[in-house]
PDB file of N, CA and C in Angstrom:
ATOM      1  N   MET A   1      32.717  79.784 128.545  1.00  0.00           N
ATOM      2  CA  MET A   1      32.235  79.099 127.736  1.00  0.00           C
ATOM      3  C   MET A   1      31.040  79.606 127.068  1.00  0.00           C
ATOM      4  N   PRO A   2      30.376  80.363 127.440  1.00  0.00           N
ATOM      5  CA  PRO A   2      28.843  80.621 127.119  1.00  0.00           C
ATOM      6  C   PRO A   2      28.616  81.028 125.764  1.00  0.00           C
ATOM      7  N   ASN A   3      29.891  81.813 125.111  1.00  0.00           N
ATOM      8  CA  ASN A   3      29.841  82.174 123.624  1.00  0.00           C
ATOM      9  C   ASN A   3      30.098  81.031 122.592  1.00  0.00           C
ATOM     10  N   GLU A   4      30.705  80.122 123.102  1.00  0.00           N
ATOM     11  CA  GLU A   4      30.896  78.948 122.091  1.00  0.00           C
ATOM     12  C   GLU A   4      29.826  78.037 122.100  1.00  0.00           C
ATOM     13  N   SER A   5      29.854  77.577 120.736  1.00  0.00           N
ATOM     14  CA  SER A   5      28.921  76.829 120.340  1.00  0.00           C
ATOM     15  C   SER A   5      28.849  75.266 120.946  1.00  0.00           C
ATOM     16  N   PRO A   6      27.783  74.759 120.926  1.00  0.00           N
ATOM     17  CA  PRO A   6      27.714  73.282 122.048  1.00  0.00           C
ATOM     18  C   PRO A   6      29.002  72.227 121.541  1.00  0.00           C
ATOM     19  N   SER A   7      29.171  72.489 120.047  1.00  0.00           N
ATOM     20  CA  SER A   7      30.345  71.320 119.578  1.00  0.00           C
ATOM     21  C   SER A   7      31.472  71.725 120.302  1.00  0.00           C
ATOM     22  N   GLU A   8      31.897  73.290 120.372  1.00  0.00           N
ATOM     23  CA  GLU A   8      32.903  73.682 120.863  1.00  0.00           C
ATOM     24  C   GLU A   8      33.236  73.502 122.614  1.00  0.00           C
ATOM     25  N   GLN A   9      32.128  73.578 122.975  1.00  0.00           N
ATOM     26  CA  GLN A   9      31.963  73.350 124.350  1.00  0.00           C
ATOM     27  C   GLN A   9      32.308  71.883 124.800  1.00  0.00           C
ATOM     28  N   ILE A  10      31.514  70.875 123.583  1.00  0.00           N
ATOM     29  CA  ILE A  10      31.980  69.299 124.009  1.00  0.00           C
ATOM     30  C   ILE A  10      33.623  68.936 123.677  1.00  0.00           C
ATOM     31  N   ASP A  11      34.349  70.025 122.838  1.00  0.00           N
ATOM     32  CA  ASP A  11      35.638  69.885 122.268  1.00  0.00           C
ATOM     33  C   ASP A  11      36.315  70.275 123.471  1.00  0.00           C
ATOM     34  N   ALA A  12      35.911  71.246 124.436  1.00  0.00           N
ATOM     35  CA  ALA A  12      36.517  71.869 125.470  1.00  0.00           C
ATOM     36  C   ALA A  12      36.594  70.889 126.527  1.00  0.00           C
ATOM     37  N   ARG A  13      35.319  70.271 126.900  1.00  0.00           N
ATOM     38  CA  ARG A  13      35.330  69.341 127.901  1.00  0.00           C
ATOM     39  C   ARG A  13      36.257  68.005 127.623  1.00  0.00           C
ATOM     40  N   ILE A  14      36.224  67.368 126.558  1.00  0.00           N
ATOM     41  CA  ILE A  14      37.249  66.382 126.072  1.00  0.00           C
ATOM     42  C   ILE A  14      38.533  66.798 126.622  1.00  0.00           C
ATOM     43  N   GLU A  15      38.812  67.967 125.831  1.00  0.00           N
ATOM     44  CA  GLU A  15      40.248  68.484 126.139  1.00  0.00           C
ATOM     45  C   GLU A  15      40.587  68.622 127.842  1.00  0.00           C
ATOM     46  N   GLU A  16      39.612  68.984 128.409  1.00  0.00           N
ATOM     47  CA  GLU A  16      39.763  69.598 129.731  1.00  0.00           C
ATOM     48  C   GLU A  16      39.982  68.121 130.611  1.00  0.00           C
ATOM     49  N   LEU A  17      39.298  67.090 130.037  1.00  0.00           N
ATOM     50  CA  LEU A  17      39.292  65.815 130.969  1.00  0.00           C
ATOM     51  C   LEU A  17      40.840  65.147 130.869  1.00  0.00           C
ATOM     52  N   GLY A  18      41.567  65.535 129.748  1.00  0.00           N
ATOM     53  CA  GLY A  18      42.810  64.974 129.425  1.00  0.00           C
ATOM     54  C   GLY A  18      42.983  63.493 129.772  1.00  0.00           C
ATOM     55  N   ASP A  19      42.403  62.787 129.895  1.00  0.00           N
ATOM     56  CA  ASP A  19      42.812  61.277 130.232  1.00  0.00           C
ATOM     57  C   ASP A  19      42.099  60.285 129.564  1.00  0.00           C
ATOM     58  N   TRP A  20      42.155  59.214 129.983  1.00  0.00           N
ATOM     59  CA  TRP A  20      41.362  57.940 129.136  1.00  0.00           C
ATOM     60  C   TRP A  20      39.645  58.407 129.206  1.00  0.00           C
ATOM     61  N   ARG A  21      39.249  59.267 129.955  1.00  0.00           N
ATOM     62  CA  ARG A  21      37.661  59.539 129.950  1.00  0.00           C
ATOM     63  C   ARG A  21      37.446  60.413 128.778  1.00  0.00           C
ATOM     64  N   GLY A  22      38.542  61.536 128.310  1.00  0.00           N
ATOM     65  CA  GLY A  22      38.399  62.186 127.095  1.00  0.00           C
ATOM     66  C   GLY A  22      38.438  61.372 126.048  1.00  0.00           C
ATOM     67  N   GLU A  23      39.148  60.667 126.086  1.00  0.00           N
ATOM     68  CA  GLU A  23      39.679  59.744 124.653  1.00  0.00           C
ATOM     69  C   GLU A  23      38.549  58.985 124.686  1.00  0.00           C
ATOM     70  N   THR A  24      37.749  58.415 125.568  1.00  0.00           N
ATOM     71  CA  THR A  24      36.517  57.649 125.581  1.00  0.00           C
ATOM     72  C   THR A  24      35.354  58.229 125.117  1.00  0.00           C
ATOM     73  N   LEU A  25      35.139  59.318 125.844  1.00  0.00           N
ATOM     74  CA  LEU A  25      33.994  60.327 125.098  1.00  0.00           C
ATOM     75  C   LEU A  25      34.143  60.853 123.659  1.00  0.00           C
ATOM     76  N   SER A  26      35.778  61.367 123.409  1.00  0.00           N
ATOM     77  CA  SER A  26      35.845  61.525 121.989  1.00  0.00           C
ATOM     78  C   SER A  26      35.282  60.696 120.925  1.00  0.00           C
ATOM     79  N   ARG A  27      35.785  59.059 121.535  1.00  0.00           N
ATOM     80  CA  ARG A  27      35.701  58.084 120.611  1.00  0.00           C
ATOM     81  C   ARG A  27      34.068  57.711 120.434  1.00  0.00           C
ATOM     82  N   LEU A  28      33.169  57.806 121.324  1.00  0.00           N
ATOM     83  CA  LEU A  28      31.918  57.616 121.406  1.00  0.00           C
ATOM     84  C   LEU A  28      31.094  58.630 120.566  1.00  0.00           C
ATOM     85  N   ARG A  29      32.007  59.839 120.845  1.00  0.00           N
ATOM     86  CA  ARG A  29      31.264  61.050 120.029  1.00  0.00           C
ATOM     87  C   ARG A  29      31.332  60.463 118.410  1.00  0.00           C
ATOM     88  N   THR A  30      32.553  60.294 118.018  1.00  0.00           N
ATOM     89  CA  THR A  30      32.675  59.896 116.812  1.00  0.00           C
ATOM     90  C   THR A  30      31.479  59.079 116.071  1.00  0.00           C
ATOM     91  N   LEU A  31      31.501  57.878 116.995  1.00  0.00           N
ATOM     92  CA  LEU A  31      30.765  56.995 116.626  1.00  0.00           C
ATOM     93  C   LEU A  31      29.312  57.272 116.316  1.00  0.00           C
ATOM     94  N   ILE A  32      28.829  58.298 117.214  1.00  0.00           N
ATOM     95  CA  ILE A  32      27.500  59.025 117.420  1.00  0.00           C
ATOM     96  C   ILE A  32      27.415  59.750 115.797  1.00  0.00           C
ATOM     97  N   ARG A  33      28.139  60.460 115.594  1.00  0.00           N
ATOM     98  CA  ARG A  33      28.184  61.128 114.185  1.00  0.00           C
ATOM     99  C   ARG A  33      28.182  60.139 113.271  1.00  0.00           C
ATOM    100  N   GLU A  34      29.111  59.031 113.171  1.00  0.00           N
ATOM    101  CA  GLU A  34      29.195  58.361 112.263  1.00  0.00           C
ATOM    102  C   GLU A  34      27.954  57.595 111.900  1.00  0.00           C
ATOM    103  N   ALA A  35      27.201  57.273 113.010  1.00  0.00           N
ATOM    104  CA  ALA A  35      25.996  56.570 113.012  1.00  0.00           C
ATOM    105  C   ALA A  35      24.550  57.384 112.344  1.00  0.00           C
ATOM    106  N   ASP A  36      25.035  58.924 112.731  1.00  0.00           N
ATOM    107  CA  ASP A  36      23.689  59.738 112.297  1.00  0.00           C
ATOM    108  C   ASP A  36      24.366  61.004 112.029  1.00  0.00           C
ATOM    109  N   PRO A  37      24.840  61.238 110.817  1.00  0.00           N
ATOM    110  CA  PRO A  37      25.581  62.486 110.359  1.00  0.00           C
ATOM    111  C   PRO A  37      24.750  63.877 110.572  1.00  0.00           C
ATOM    112  N   GLU A  38      23.269  63.556 110.645  1.00  0.00           N
ATOM    113  CA  GLU A  38      22.492  64.736 110.976  1.00  0.00           C
ATOM    114  C   GLU A  38      22.298  64.974 112.466  1.00  0.00           C
ATOM    115  N   VAL A  39      23.078  64.208 113.216  1.00  0.00           N
ATOM    116  CA  VAL A  39      23.061  64.492 114.677  1.00  0.00           C
ATOM    117  C   VAL A  39      23.050  66.017 115.339  1.00  0.00           C
ATOM    118  N   VAL A  40      22.387  66.448 116.199  1.00  0.00           N
ATOM    119  CA  VAL A  40      22.638  68.206 116.823  1.00  0.00           C
ATOM    120  C   VAL A  40      23.021  67.712 118.260  1.00  0.00           C
ATOM    121  N   GLU A  41      24.501  68.453 118.190  1.00  0.00           N
ATOM    122  CA  GLU A  41      25.087  68.474 119.550  1.00  0.00           C
ATOM    123  C   GLU A  41      24.555  69.735 120.362  1.00  0.00           C
ATOM    124  N   GLU A  42      24.426  69.398 121.648  1.00  0.00           N
ATOM    125  CA  GLU A  42      23.627  70.259 122.370  1.00  0.00           C
ATOM    126  C   GLU A  42      24.735  70.266 123.740  1.00  0.00           C
ATOM    127  N   TRP A  43      24.432  71.489 124.478  1.00  0.00           N
ATOM    128  CA  TRP A  43      25.085  71.676 125.778  1.00  0.00           C
ATOM    129  C   TRP A  43      24.077  72.031 126.690  1.00  0.00           C
ATOM    130  N   LYS A  44      23.831  71.194 127.804  1.00  0.00           N
ATOM    131  CA  LYS A  44      22.757  71.570 128.419  1.00  0.00           C
ATOM    132  C   LYS A  44      23.058  71.309 129.970  1.00  0.00           C
ATOM    133  N   TRP A  45      22.020  71.788 130.908  1.00  0.00           N
ATOM    134  CA  TRP A  45      22.055  71.712 132.224  1.00  0.00           C
ATOM    135  C   TRP A  45      23.322  72.095 132.801  1.00  0.00           C
ATOM    136  N   VAL A  46      23.592  73.419 132.580  1.00  0.00           N
ATOM    137  CA  VAL A  46      24.873  74.276 133.109  1.00  0.00           C
ATOM    138  C   VAL A  46      24.199  74.645 134.526  1.00  0.00           C
ATOM    139  N   LYS A  47      25.001  74.083 135.594  1.00  0.00           N
ATOM    140  CA  LYS A  47      24.895  74.500 136.812  1.00  0.00           C
ATOM    141  C   LYS A  47      26.278  75.149 137.348  1.00  0.00           C
ATOM    142  N   PRO A  48      26.505  75.965 138.556  1.00  0.00           N
ATOM    143  CA  PRO A  48      27.998  76.067 139.113  1.00  0.00           C
ATOM    144  C   PRO A  48      28.708  74.832 139.655  1.00  0.00           C
ATOM    145  N   SER A  49      27.484  73.740 139.988  1.00  0.00           N
ATOM    146  CA  SER A  49      28.353  72.374 140.268  1.00  0.00           C
ATOM    147  C   SER A  49      28.766  71.841 139.131  1.00  0.00           C
ATOM    148  N   SER A  50      28.281  71.986 138.230  1.00  0.00           N
ATOM    149  CA  SER A  50      28.744  71.127 136.658  1.00  0.00           C
ATOM    150  C   SER A  50      28.772  72.027 135.531  1.00  0.00           C
ATOM    151  N   GLY A  51      29.672  72.127 134.733  1.00  0.00           N
ATOM    152  CA  GLY A  51      29.782  73.106 133.780  1.00  0.00           C
ATOM    153  C   GLY A  51      28.783  72.814 132.433  1.00  0.00           C
ATOM    154  N   GLY A  52      28.155  71.631 132.618  1.00  0.00           N
ATOM    155  CA  GLY A  52      27.346  71.473 131.631  1.00  0.00           C
ATOM    156  C   GLY A  52      27.453  70.116 131.018  1.00  0.00           C
ATOM    157  N   THR A  53      26.727  69.513 130.277  1.00  0.00           N
ATOM    158  CA  THR A  53      26.454  68.235 130.047  1.00  0.00           C
ATOM    159  C   THR A  53      26.151  68.062 128.208  1.00  0.00           C
ATOM    160  N   PRO A  54      27.047  67.336 127.911  1.00  0.00           N
ATOM    161  CA  PRO A  54      26.912  66.951 126.091  1.00  0.00           C
ATOM    162  C   PRO A  54      25.758  66.091 126.195  1.00  0.00           C
ATOM    163  N   VAL A  55      24.631  66.638 125.045  1.00  0.00           N
ATOM    164  CA  VAL A  55      23.509  65.836 124.694  1.00  0.00           C
ATOM    165  C   VAL A  55      23.654  65.818 123.088  1.00  0.00           C
ATOM    166  N   TRP A  56      23.263  64.613 122.787  1.00  0.00           N
ATOM    167  CA  TRP A  56      23.229  64.438 121.653  1.00  0.00           C
ATOM    168  C   TRP A  56      21.604  64.349 120.983  1.00  0.00           C
ATOM    169  N   SER A  57      21.227  65.066 119.799  1.00  0.00           N
ATOM    170  CA  SER A  57      19.777  64.760 119.366  1.00  0.00           C
ATOM    171  C   SER A  57      19.473  64.701 118.193  1.00  0.00           C
ATOM    172  N   HIS A  58      18.472  64.066 117.793  1.00  0.00           N
ATOM    173  CA  HIS A  58      17.743  64.321 116.284  1.00  0.00           C
ATOM    174  C   HIS A  58      16.174  63.915 116.455  1.00  0.00           C
ATOM    175  N   ASP A  59      15.307  65.220 116.186  1.00  0.00           N
ATOM    176  CA  ASP A  59      13.980  64.986 116.630  1.00  0.00           C
ATOM    177  C   ASP A  59      13.958  64.598 118.057  1.00  0.00           C
ATOM    178  N   GLY A  60      14.294  64.952 119.058  1.00  0.00           N
ATOM    179  CA  GLY A  60      14.350  64.827 120.350  1.00  0.00           C
ATOM    180  C   GLY A  60      15.605  64.171 120.838  1.00  0.00           C
ATOM    181  N   GLY A  61      15.780  64.025 122.098  1.00  0.00           N
ATOM    182  CA  GLY A  61      17.260  63.475 122.853  1.00  0.00           C
ATOM    183  C   GLY A  61      17.476  62.147 122.286  1.00  0.00           C
ATOM    184  N   ILE A  62      18.690  61.769 122.165  1.00  0.00           N
ATOM    185  CA  ILE A  62      19.129  60.300 121.935  1.00  0.00           C
ATOM    186  C   ILE A  62      19.812  59.956 123.132  1.00  0.00           C
ATOM    187  N   CYS A  63      21.007  60.797 123.533  1.00  0.00           N
ATOM    188  CA  CYS A  63      21.737  60.654 124.819  1.00  0.00           C
ATOM    189  C   CYS A  63      22.270  61.704 125.281  1.00  0.00           C
ATOM    190  N   THR A  64      22.872  61.370 126.580  1.00  0.00           N
ATOM    191  CA  THR A  64      23.826  62.125 127.243  1.00  0.00           C
ATOM    192  C   THR A  64      25.203  61.603 127.232  1.00  0.00           C
ATOM    193  N   GLY A  65      26.329  62.298 127.250  1.00  0.00           N
ATOM    194  CA  GLY A  65      27.722  62.088 127.572  1.00  0.00           C
ATOM    195  C   GLY A  65      28.223  62.479 128.725  1.00  0.00           C
ATOM    196  N   GLU A  66      28.286  62.114 129.845  1.00  0.00           N
ATOM    197  CA  GLU A  66      29.177  62.235 131.254  1.00  0.00           C
ATOM    198  C   GLU A  66      30.290  61.359 131.346  1.00  0.00           C
ATOM    199  N   ALA A  67      31.238  62.458 132.192  1.00  0.00           N
ATOM    200  CA  ALA A  67      32.270  62.076 132.494  1.00  0.00           C
ATOM    201  C   ALA A  67      32.555  61.775 134.150  1.00  0.00           C
ATOM    202  N   TYR A  68      32.757  60.749 134.636  1.00  0.00           N
ATOM    203  CA  TYR A  68      32.849  60.879 135.948  1.00  0.00           C
ATOM    204  C   TYR A  68      34.187  60.267 136.223  1.00  0.00           C
ATOM    205  N   LYS A  69      34.555  60.083 137.946  1.00  0.00           N
ATOM    206  CA  LYS A  69      35.802  59.673 137.908  1.00  0.00           C
ATOM    207  C   LYS A  69      36.161  58.228 137.207  1.00  0.00           C
ATOM    208  N   SER A  70      35.427  57.268 137.759  1.00  0.00           N
ATOM    209  CA  SER A  70      35.771  56.293 137.233  1.00  0.00           C
ATOM    210  C   SER A  70      35.010  55.525 135.984  1.00  0.00           C
ATOM    211  N   VAL A  71      34.278  56.285 135.342  1.00  0.00           N
ATOM    212  CA  VAL A  71      33.618  56.052 134.266  1.00  0.00           C
ATOM    213  C   VAL A  71      32.842  57.114 133.372  1.00  0.00           C
ATOM    214  N   VAL A  72      32.802  56.759 131.842  1.00  0.00           N
ATOM    215  CA  VAL A  72      32.008  57.393 131.130  1.00  0.00           C
ATOM    216  C   VAL A  72      30.838  57.135 130.799  1.00  0.00           C
ATOM    217  N   LYS A  73      29.533  57.786 131.137  1.00  0.00           N
ATOM    218  CA  LYS A  73      28.261  57.409 131.095  1.00  0.00           C
ATOM    219  C   LYS A  73      27.522  57.754 129.681  1.00  0.00           C
ATOM    220  N   LEU A  74      27.003  57.045 128.952  1.00  0.00           N
ATOM    221  CA  LEU A  74      26.070  57.621 128.014  1.00  0.00           C
ATOM    222  C   LEU A  74      24.879  57.148 128.348  1.00  0.00           C
ATOM    223  N   THR A  75      24.089  57.828 128.875  1.00  0.00           N
ATOM    224  CA  THR A  75      22.408  57.868 128.966  1.00  0.00           C
ATOM    225  C   THR A  75      21.661  58.059 128.190  1.00  0.00           C
ATOM    226  N   PHE A  76      20.847  57.201 127.617  1.00  0.00           N
ATOM    227  CA  PHE A  76      20.176  57.007 126.530  1.00  0.00           C
ATOM    228  C   PHE A  76      18.600  57.401 126.806  1.00  0.00           C
ATOM    229  N   PHE A  77      17.743  58.483 126.482  1.00  0.00           N
ATOM    230  CA  PHE A  77      16.935  59.088 126.984  1.00  0.00           C
ATOM    231  C   PHE A  77      15.809  57.974 126.936  1.00  0.00           C
ATOM    232  N   LYS A  78      15.381  57.363 125.974  1.00  0.00           N
ATOM    233  CA  LYS A  78      14.492  56.305 125.626  1.00  0.00           C
ATOM    234  C   LYS A  78      14.903  54.951 125.802  1.00  0.00           C
ATOM    235  N   GLY A  79      16.263  54.646 126.431  1.00  0.00           N
ATOM    236  CA  GLY A  79      16.804  53.140 126.095  1.00  0.00           C
ATOM    237  C   GLY A  79      16.081  52.207 126.335  1.00  0.00           C
ATOM    238  N   ALA A  80      15.215  52.177 127.391  1.00  0.00           N
ATOM    239  CA  ALA A  80      14.293  50.881 127.593  1.00  0.00           C
ATOM    240  C   ALA A  80      13.535  50.512 126.456  1.00  0.00           C
ATOM    241  N   SER A  81      13.322  51.466 125.525  1.00  0.00           N
ATOM    242  CA  SER A  81      12.412  51.237 124.575  1.00  0.00           C
ATOM    243  C   SER A  81      13.165  50.672 123.085  1.00  0.00           C
ATOM    244  N   LEU A  82      14.510  50.643 123.579  1.00  0.00           N
ATOM    245  CA  LEU A  82      15.419  50.350 122.028  1.00  0.00           C
ATOM    246  C   LEU A  82      15.613  48.958 122.464  1.00  0.00           C
ATOM    247  N   PRO A  83      15.936  48.224 121.082  1.00  0.00           N
ATOM    248  CA  PRO A  83      16.713  46.825 121.023  1.00  0.00           C
ATOM    249  C   PRO A  83      18.191  46.803 121.455  1.00  0.00           C
ATOM    250  N   ASP A  84      18.422  45.879 122.300  1.00  0.00           N
ATOM    251  CA  ASP A  84      19.805  45.981 122.638  1.00  0.00           C
ATOM    252  C   ASP A  84      20.412  44.642 122.663  1.00  0.00           C
ATOM    253  N   PRO A  85      20.660  44.107 121.189  1.00  0.00           N
ATOM    254  CA  PRO A  85      20.897  42.485 121.216  1.00  0.00           C
ATOM    255  C   PRO A  85      22.212  42.115 121.641  1.00  0.00           C
ATOM    256  N   ALA A  86      23.197  43.428 121.523  1.00  0.00           N
ATOM    257  CA  ALA A  86      24.554  42.934 122.021  1.00  0.00           C
ATOM    258  C   ALA A  86      24.867  43.208 123.685  1.00  0.00           C
ATOM    259  N   GLY A  87      23.691  43.735 124.126  1.00  0.00           N
ATOM    260  CA  GLY A  87      23.835  43.762 125.633  1.00  0.00           C
ATOM    261  C   GLY A  87      24.742  45.166 126.295  1.00  0.00           C
ATOM    262  N   LEU A  88      24.932  45.974 125.199  1.00  0.00           N
ATOM    263  CA  LEU A  88      25.724  47.313 125.694  1.00  0.00           C
ATOM    264  C   LEU A  88      25.006  48.000 126.794  1.00  0.00           C
ATOM    265  N   PHE A  89      23.826  47.921 127.066  1.00  0.00           N
ATOM    266  CA  PHE A  89      23.070  48.622 128.398  1.00  0.00           C
ATOM    267  C   PHE A  89      23.759  47.914 129.585  1.00  0.00           C
ATOM    268  N   ASN A  90      24.134  48.659 130.659  1.00  0.00           N
ATOM    269  CA  ASN A  90      24.678  48.024 131.646  1.00  0.00           C
ATOM    270  C   ASN A  90      24.592  48.631 132.751  1.00  0.00           C
ATOM    271  N   SER A  91      23.583  49.613 132.731  1.00  0.00           N
ATOM    272  CA  SER A  91      23.489  50.836 134.078  1.00  0.00           C
ATOM    273  C   SER A  91      22.240  51.313 133.898  1.00  0.00           C
ATOM    274  N   SER A  92      21.509  51.557 134.802  1.00  0.00           N
ATOM    275  CA  SER A  92      20.456  52.392 134.798  1.00  0.00           C
ATOM    276  C   SER A  92      19.274  51.517 134.091  1.00  0.00           C
ATOM    277  N   LEU A  93      19.269  50.208 134.720  1.00  0.00           N
ATOM    278  CA  LEU A  93      18.548  49.056 133.929  1.00  0.00           C
ATOM    279  C   LEU A  93      17.216  48.880 134.585  1.00  0.00           C
ATOM    280  N   GLU A  94      17.193  49.376 135.818  1.00  0.00           N
ATOM    281  CA  GLU A  94      15.765  49.145 136.634  1.00  0.00           C
ATOM    282  C   GLU A  94      14.590  50.390 136.082  1.00  0.00           C
ATOM    283  N   GLY A  95      15.519  51.452 135.345  1.00  0.00           N
ATOM    284  CA  GLY A  95      14.527  52.490 135.132  1.00  0.00           C
ATOM    285  C   GLY A  95      13.567  52.067 134.192  1.00  0.00           C
ATOM    286  N   LYS A  96      12.501  52.725 133.972  1.00  0.00           N
ATOM    287  CA  LYS A  96      11.302  52.421 133.253  1.00  0.00           C
ATOM    288  C   LYS A  96      11.542  53.138 131.972  1.00  0.00           C
ATOM    289  N   VAL A  97      12.125  54.064 131.433  1.00  0.00           N
ATOM    290  CA  VAL A  97      12.267  54.951 130.200  1.00  0.00           C
ATOM    291  C   VAL A  97      13.871  54.943 130.044  1.00  0.00           C
ATOM    292  N   ARG A  98      14.770  55.174 130.647  1.00  0.00           N
ATOM    293  CA  ARG A  98      16.328  55.559 130.374  1.00  0.00           C
ATOM    294  C   ARG A  98      17.176  54.235 130.650  1.00  0.00           C
ATOM    295  N   ARG A  99      18.254  53.966 129.962  1.00  0.00           N
ATOM    296  CA  ARG A  99      18.959  52.896 130.033  1.00  0.00           C
ATOM    297  C   ARG A  99      20.508  53.592 129.878  1.00  0.00           C
ATOM    298  N   ALA A 100      21.628  52.933 130.264  1.00  0.00           N
ATOM    299  CA  ALA A 100      22.855  53.699 130.084  1.00  0.00           C
ATOM    300  C   ALA A 100      23.847  52.863 129.942  1.00  0.00           C
ATOM    301  N   ILE A 101      25.171  53.153 129.336  1.00  0.00           N
ATOM    302  CA  ILE A 101      26.249  52.479 129.062  1.00  0.00           C
ATOM    303  C   ILE A 101      27.243  53.109 129.917  1.00  0.00           C
ATOM    304  N   ASP A 102      27.721  52.382 130.759  1.00  0.00           N
ATOM    305  CA  ASP A 102      28.977  52.795 131.488  1.00  0.00           C
ATOM    306  C   ASP A 102      30.206  52.114 130.863  1.00  0.00           C
ATOM    307  N   VAL A 103      31.133  53.252 130.680  1.00  0.00           N
ATOM    308  CA  VAL A 103      32.426  52.843 130.283  1.00  0.00           C
ATOM    309  C   VAL A 103      33.339  52.890 131.284  1.00  0.00           C
ATOM    310  N   ARG A 104      34.329  52.133 131.485  1.00  0.00           N
ATOM    311  CA  ARG A 104      35.403  52.076 132.599  1.00  0.00           C
ATOM    312  C   ARG A 104      36.865  51.974 131.990  1.00  0.00           C
ATOM    313  N   GLU A 105      37.869  52.558 132.395  1.00  0.00           N
ATOM    314  CA  GLU A 105      39.141  52.501 131.970  1.00  0.00           C
ATOM    315  C   GLU A 105      39.650  51.293 131.251  1.00  0.00           C
ATOM    316  N   GLY A 106      40.102  51.234 129.946  1.00  0.00           N
ATOM    317  CA  GLY A 106      40.455  50.181 129.503  1.00  0.00           C
ATOM    318  C   GLY A 106      39.271  49.378 128.729  1.00  0.00           C
ATOM    319  N   GLU A 107      38.315  49.748 128.924  1.00  0.00           N
ATOM    320  CA  GLU A 107      37.180  48.768 128.060  1.00  0.00           C
ATOM    321  C   GLU A 107      37.004  49.580 126.841  1.00  0.00           C
ATOM    322  N   SER A 108      36.442  48.816 125.827  1.00  0.00           N
ATOM    323  CA  SER A 108      35.739  49.429 124.604  1.00  0.00           C
ATOM    324  C   SER A 108      34.700  49.192 124.631  1.00  0.00           C
ATOM    325  N   VAL A 109      33.578  49.737 123.482  1.00  0.00           N
ATOM    326  CA  VAL A 109      32.544  49.485 123.107  1.00  0.00           C
ATOM    327  C   VAL A 109      32.250  49.044 121.779  1.00  0.00           C
ATOM    328  N   ASP A 110      31.393  47.853 121.342  1.00  0.00           N
ATOM    329  CA  ASP A 110      31.264  47.368 120.191  1.00  0.00           C
ATOM    330  C   ASP A 110      30.822  48.724 119.281  1.00  0.00           C
ATOM    331  N   ALA A 111      31.829  48.834 118.288  1.00  0.00           N
ATOM    332  CA  ALA A 111      31.197  49.940 117.562  1.00  0.00           C
ATOM    333  C   ALA A 111      30.122  50.008 116.921  1.00  0.00           C
ATOM    334  N   GLU A 112      30.119  48.851 115.982  1.00  0.00           N
ATOM    335  CA  GLU A 112      28.612  48.455 115.162  1.00  0.00           C
ATOM    336  C   GLU A 112      27.413  48.464 116.184  1.00  0.00           C
ATOM    337  N   ALA A 113      27.340  47.698 117.335  1.00  0.00           N
ATOM    338  CA  ALA A 113      26.409  47.653 118.213  1.00  0.00           C
ATOM    339  C   ALA A 113      26.189  49.203 118.582  1.00  0.00           C
ATOM    340  N   PHE A 114      26.860  49.577 119.144  1.00  0.00           N
ATOM    341  CA  PHE A 114      26.735  51.033 119.378  1.00  0.00           C
ATOM    342  C   PHE A 114      25.877  52.072 118.488  1.00  0.00           C
ATOM    343  N   LYS A 115      26.572  51.899 117.305  1.00  0.00           N
ATOM    344  CA  LYS A 115      25.697  52.802 116.154  1.00  0.00           C
ATOM    345  C   LYS A 115      24.522  52.162 115.577  1.00  0.00           C
ATOM    346  N   ASN A 116      24.216  50.855 116.152  1.00  0.00           N
ATOM    347  CA  ASN A 116      22.951  50.476 115.641  1.00  0.00           C
ATOM    348  C   ASN A 116      21.970  51.240 116.679  1.00  0.00           C
ATOM    349  N   LEU A 117      22.598  51.096 118.301  1.00  0.00           N
ATOM    350  CA  LEU A 117      21.710  51.808 119.146  1.00  0.00           C
ATOM    351  C   LEU A 117      21.451  53.241 118.993  1.00  0.00           C
ATOM    352  N   ILE A 118      22.332  53.755 118.377  1.00  0.00           N
ATOM    353  CA  ILE A 118      22.116  55.229 117.836  1.00  0.00           C
ATOM    354  C   ILE A 118      20.974  55.292 116.974  1.00  0.00           C
ATOM    355  N   ARG A 119      21.164  54.659 116.139  1.00  0.00           N
ATOM    356  CA  ARG A 119      20.415  54.608 114.691  1.00  0.00           C
ATOM    357  C   ARG A 119      18.943  53.847 115.155  1.00  0.00           C
ATOM    358  N   ALA A 120      18.738  53.175 116.168  1.00  0.00           N
ATOM    359  CA  ALA A 120      17.477  52.695 116.806  1.00  0.00           C
ATOM    360  C   ALA A 120      16.608  53.973 117.460  1.00  0.00           C
ATOM    361  N   ALA A 121      17.787  54.748 118.157  1.00  0.00           N
ATOM    362  CA  ALA A 121      17.289  55.668 118.947  1.00  0.00           C
ATOM    363  C   ALA A 121      16.677  56.880 118.003  1.00  0.00           C
ATOM    364  N   VAL A 122      17.279  57.342 116.865  1.00  0.00           N
ATOM    365  CA  VAL A 122      16.884  58.135 115.866  1.00  0.00           C
ATOM    366  C   VAL A 122      15.500  57.837 115.317  1.00  0.00           C
ATOM    367  N   ALA A 123      15.357  56.393 114.957  1.00  0.00           N
ATOM    368  CA  ALA A 123      14.207  56.018 114.380  1.00  0.00           C
ATOM    369  C   ALA A 123      13.119  56.259 115.393  1.00  0.00           C
ATOM    370  N   LEU A 124      13.306  55.902 116.568  1.00  0.00           N
ATOM    371  CA  LEU A 124      12.204  55.874 117.570  1.00  0.00           C
ATOM    372  C   LEU A 124      11.605  57.424 117.777  1.00  0.00           C
ATOM    373  N   ASN A 125      12.652  58.584 117.648  1.00  0.00           N
ATOM    374  CA  ASN A 125      12.382  59.803 118.053  1.00  0.00           C
ATOM    375  C   ASN A 125      11.626  60.190 116.204  1.00  0.00           C
ATOM    376  N   THR A 126      11.845  59.632 115.303  1.00  0.00           N
ATOM    377  CA  THR A 126      11.157  60.114 113.943  1.00  0.00           C
ATOM    378  C   THR A 126      10.213  59.580 113.632  1.00  0.00           C
ATOM    379  N   ALA A 127       9.934  58.444 114.502  1.00  0.00           N
ATOM    380  CA  ALA A 127       8.484  57.643 113.972  1.00  0.00           C
ATOM    381  C   ALA A 127       7.279  58.572 114.270  1.00  0.00           C
TER     382      ALA A 127
END
């Protein structure tokens, strides 16, 4: 995968998952792009134990998207500083800086609330 663009690597990761996790990651990726058409897709932290991690940024990191056995986790770099009136953050709540959204099989995320979180993260990065 080293010669592929980050977007192609994310496409490959979604395809490689081939189950509800890939569908969930794909759906959330679409919402991120809708919320911020100027978002930059990156592929970071490549190690032998993990092929790398999708990262979305705009003047700084917005969030990562990781797929585990039972959850798709979106970790927001500055989540503790973001307004979350819909209560989407349900993981890493004890952290001083980051917050995460864990999505399990069969769960969905409020699309508008999620896009508002993305927009708030961009606004924080560009302030």
